[in-house]
Amino acid sequence: FYTYGLTDQFNLLVEGSFALQSYVTSPVSDKDATIPKVRPQYVGGGGAGVAYVLDVLQWVPYGGLLFGVNTFSGGTMAGTVVSPDAVLAIGLDYQFSRKVTLGGAFRQHFALTQLSTYPSYTQLFLKLEYTWGY
């Protein structure tokens, strides 16, 4: 994660992630056409965007939108699928100082060209962050 304070209300976010996905190794039943027969074991990606920061107290809520790239690989997939990605970012940070925060974050990823097969995935995590800029 990289955060740069553009103004008092807006931050530039640059993020990267990699996740091991839980998947079932048994074949998918033909009865459920909504579950893809080919599923990734690994999902990785990165993106950049802007977040609006409600910076009024030591507790700082924020929300933003990022755009980037996802990769789906491993598992029962024959190769790697790369897809543009849109990410809804929501979080709550506690500021120890103007530059150092500890917080929790929610990210909802949407694979823009793979919506029928891999519509979205969610990330929840804790983060320790050093903020540059404003």
Protein backbone atom coordinates (compact mmCIF):
# COMPACT_ATOMS: atom_id res chain seq x y z
CA PHE A 1 0.00 0.00 0.00
CA TYR A 2 1.11 3.52 -0.77
CA THR A 3 -0.82 6.61 0.27
CA TYR A 4 -0.04 10.15 -0.74
CA GLY A 5 -2.07 13.04 0.69
CA LEU A 6 -3.19 15.15 -2.26
CA THR A 7 -5.19 17.58 -0.10
CA ASP A 8 -6.74 17.51 3.35
CA GLN A 9 -9.78 15.66 1.88
CA PHE A 10 -8.26 13.45 -0.85
CA ASN A 11 -5.56 10.77 -0.85
CA LEU A 12 -3.94 8.98 -3.77
CA LEU A 13 -3.97 5.20 -3.12
CA VAL A 14 -1.66 2.73 -4.85
CA GLU A 15 -2.25 -0.87 -3.80
CA GLY A 16 -1.13 -4.38 -4.64
CA SER A 17 -2.40 -7.67 -3.32
CA PHE A 18 -2.02 -11.42 -3.62
CA ALA A 19 -4.39 -13.99 -2.14
CA LEU A 20 -4.61 -17.76 -1.89
CA GLN A 21 -8.21 -18.68 -2.71
CA SER A 22 -10.16 -21.50 -1.12
CA TYR A 23 -11.46 -23.81 -3.81
CA VAL A 24 -12.97 -27.27 -4.03
CA THR A 25 -10.78 -29.83 -5.79
CA SER A 26 -13.69 -32.08 -6.74
CA PRO A 27 -15.35 -31.48 -10.13
CA VAL A 28 -18.25 -29.04 -10.22
CA SER A 29 -21.63 -30.63 -10.79
CA ASP A 30 -23.29 -29.90 -14.14
CA LYS A 31 -26.45 -29.13 -12.16
CA ASP A 32 -25.15 -25.72 -11.07
CA ALA A 33 -24.26 -23.72 -14.17
CA THR A 34 -23.51 -20.57 -12.12
CA ILE A 35 -20.31 -22.01 -10.62
CA PRO A 36 -17.39 -21.92 -13.07
CA LYS A 37 -15.81 -25.30 -13.81
CA VAL A 38 -12.40 -23.62 -13.93
CA ARG A 39 -11.45 -21.87 -10.70
CA PRO A 40 -8.25 -20.09 -9.66
CA GLN A 41 -6.20 -20.93 -6.63
CA TYR A 42 -4.38 -17.56 -6.67
CA VAL A 43 -5.67 -14.04 -7.25
CA GLY A 44 -3.32 -11.10 -7.46
CA GLY A 45 -3.56 -7.57 -8.66
CA GLY A 46 -2.80 -3.92 -8.27
CA GLY A 47 -4.43 -0.59 -8.82
CA ALA A 48 -4.45 3.12 -8.17
CA GLY A 49 -7.18 5.59 -7.35
CA VAL A 50 -8.42 8.35 -5.12
CA ALA A 51 -10.10 8.20 -1.70
CA TYR A 52 -12.16 10.85 0.06
CA VAL A 53 -10.96 11.20 3.65
CA LEU A 54 -13.14 12.53 6.47
CA ASP A 55 -10.16 13.80 8.46
CA VAL A 56 -11.73 15.50 11.49
CA LEU A 57 -10.65 13.37 14.47
CA GLN A 58 -8.06 10.75 15.30
CA TRP A 59 -10.49 8.18 13.86
CA VAL A 60 -10.48 8.72 10.08
CA PRO A 61 -13.11 7.03 7.87
CA TYR A 62 -12.53 6.99 4.10
CA GLY A 63 -14.01 5.68 0.89
CA GLY A 64 -12.62 5.55 -2.62
CA LEU A 65 -12.43 3.94 -6.03
CA LEU A 66 -9.38 2.30 -7.62
CA PHE A 67 -8.74 0.87 -11.09
CA GLY A 68 -6.10 -1.72 -11.94
CA VAL A 69 -5.49 -5.31 -13.04
CA ASN A 70 -6.38 -8.75 -11.62
CA THR A 71 -4.71 -12.05 -12.36
CA PHE A 72 -6.41 -15.41 -11.78
CA SER A 73 -4.18 -18.51 -11.84
CA GLY A 74 -3.54 -21.96 -10.39
CA GLY A 75 -6.21 -24.33 -9.18
CA THR A 76 -8.04 -26.02 -12.04
CA MET A 77 -7.08 -23.29 -14.55
CA ALA A 78 -4.92 -24.19 -17.53
CA GLY A 79 -3.22 -20.78 -17.52
CA THR A 80 -3.43 -17.28 -16.15
CA VAL A 81 -6.33 -14.92 -16.87
CA VAL A 82 -5.62 -11.18 -16.68
CA SER A 83 -8.54 -8.77 -16.32
CA PRO A 84 -9.03 -5.05 -15.69
CA ASP A 85 -10.28 -4.45 -12.16
CA ALA A 86 -12.40 -1.84 -10.37
CA VAL A 87 -12.16 -1.70 -6.58
CA LEU A 88 -14.48 -0.13 -4.03
CA ALA A 89 -12.33 0.86 -1.03
CA ILE A 90 -13.73 1.60 2.44
CA GLY A 91 -11.80 1.85 5.67
CA LEU A 92 -11.37 3.28 9.12
CA ASP A 93 -7.94 4.39 10.35
CA TYR A 94 -6.69 5.55 13.72
CA GLN A 95 -4.05 8.29 13.44
CA PHE A 96 -1.16 7.96 15.87
CA SER A 97 0.32 11.04 14.21
CA ARG A 98 -0.30 13.01 11.00
CA LYS A 99 1.78 10.42 9.12
CA VAL A 100 1.24 7.05 10.87
CA THR A 101 -2.09 5.20 10.97
CA LEU A 102 -3.38 1.77 11.96
CA GLY A 103 -6.70 0.67 10.52
CA GLY A 104 -9.06 -1.80 9.02
CA ALA A 105 -10.00 -1.93 5.36
CA PHE A 106 -12.62 -3.46 3.09
CA ARG A 107 -12.04 -3.92 -0.65
CA GLN A 108 -14.64 -5.21 -3.11
CA HIS A 109 -13.01 -6.16 -6.43
CA PHE A 110 -14.86 -6.39 -9.74
CA ALA A 111 -13.12 -8.14 -12.66
CA LEU A 112 -14.38 -5.95 -15.50
CA THR A 113 -13.88 -8.36 -18.43
CA GLN A 114 -14.61 -11.57 -16.53
CA LEU A 115 -17.92 -10.61 -14.86
CA SER A 116 -19.78 -13.75 -15.93
CA THR A 117 -17.08 -16.13 -14.67
CA TYR A 118 -15.35 -14.28 -11.82
CA PRO A 119 -17.78 -11.47 -10.91
CA SER A 120 -16.16 -10.18 -7.71
CA TYR A 121 -14.21 -10.98 -4.59
CA THR A 122 -13.85 -9.33 -1.19
CA GLN A 123 -10.78 -8.54 0.92
CA LEU A 124 -10.81 -7.58 4.60
CA PHE A 125 -7.55 -6.72 6.34
CA LEU A 126 -5.69 -4.72 8.97
CA LYS A 127 -3.08 -2.23 7.84
CA LEU A 128 -0.28 -0.12 9.26
CA GLU A 129 0.41 2.84 7.01
CA TYR A 130 2.82 5.72 6.62
CA THR A 131 1.20 8.60 4.71
CA TRP A 132 3.26 10.90 2.47
CA GLY A 133 2.31 14.34 1.19
CA TYR A 134 -0.25 16.71 2.65
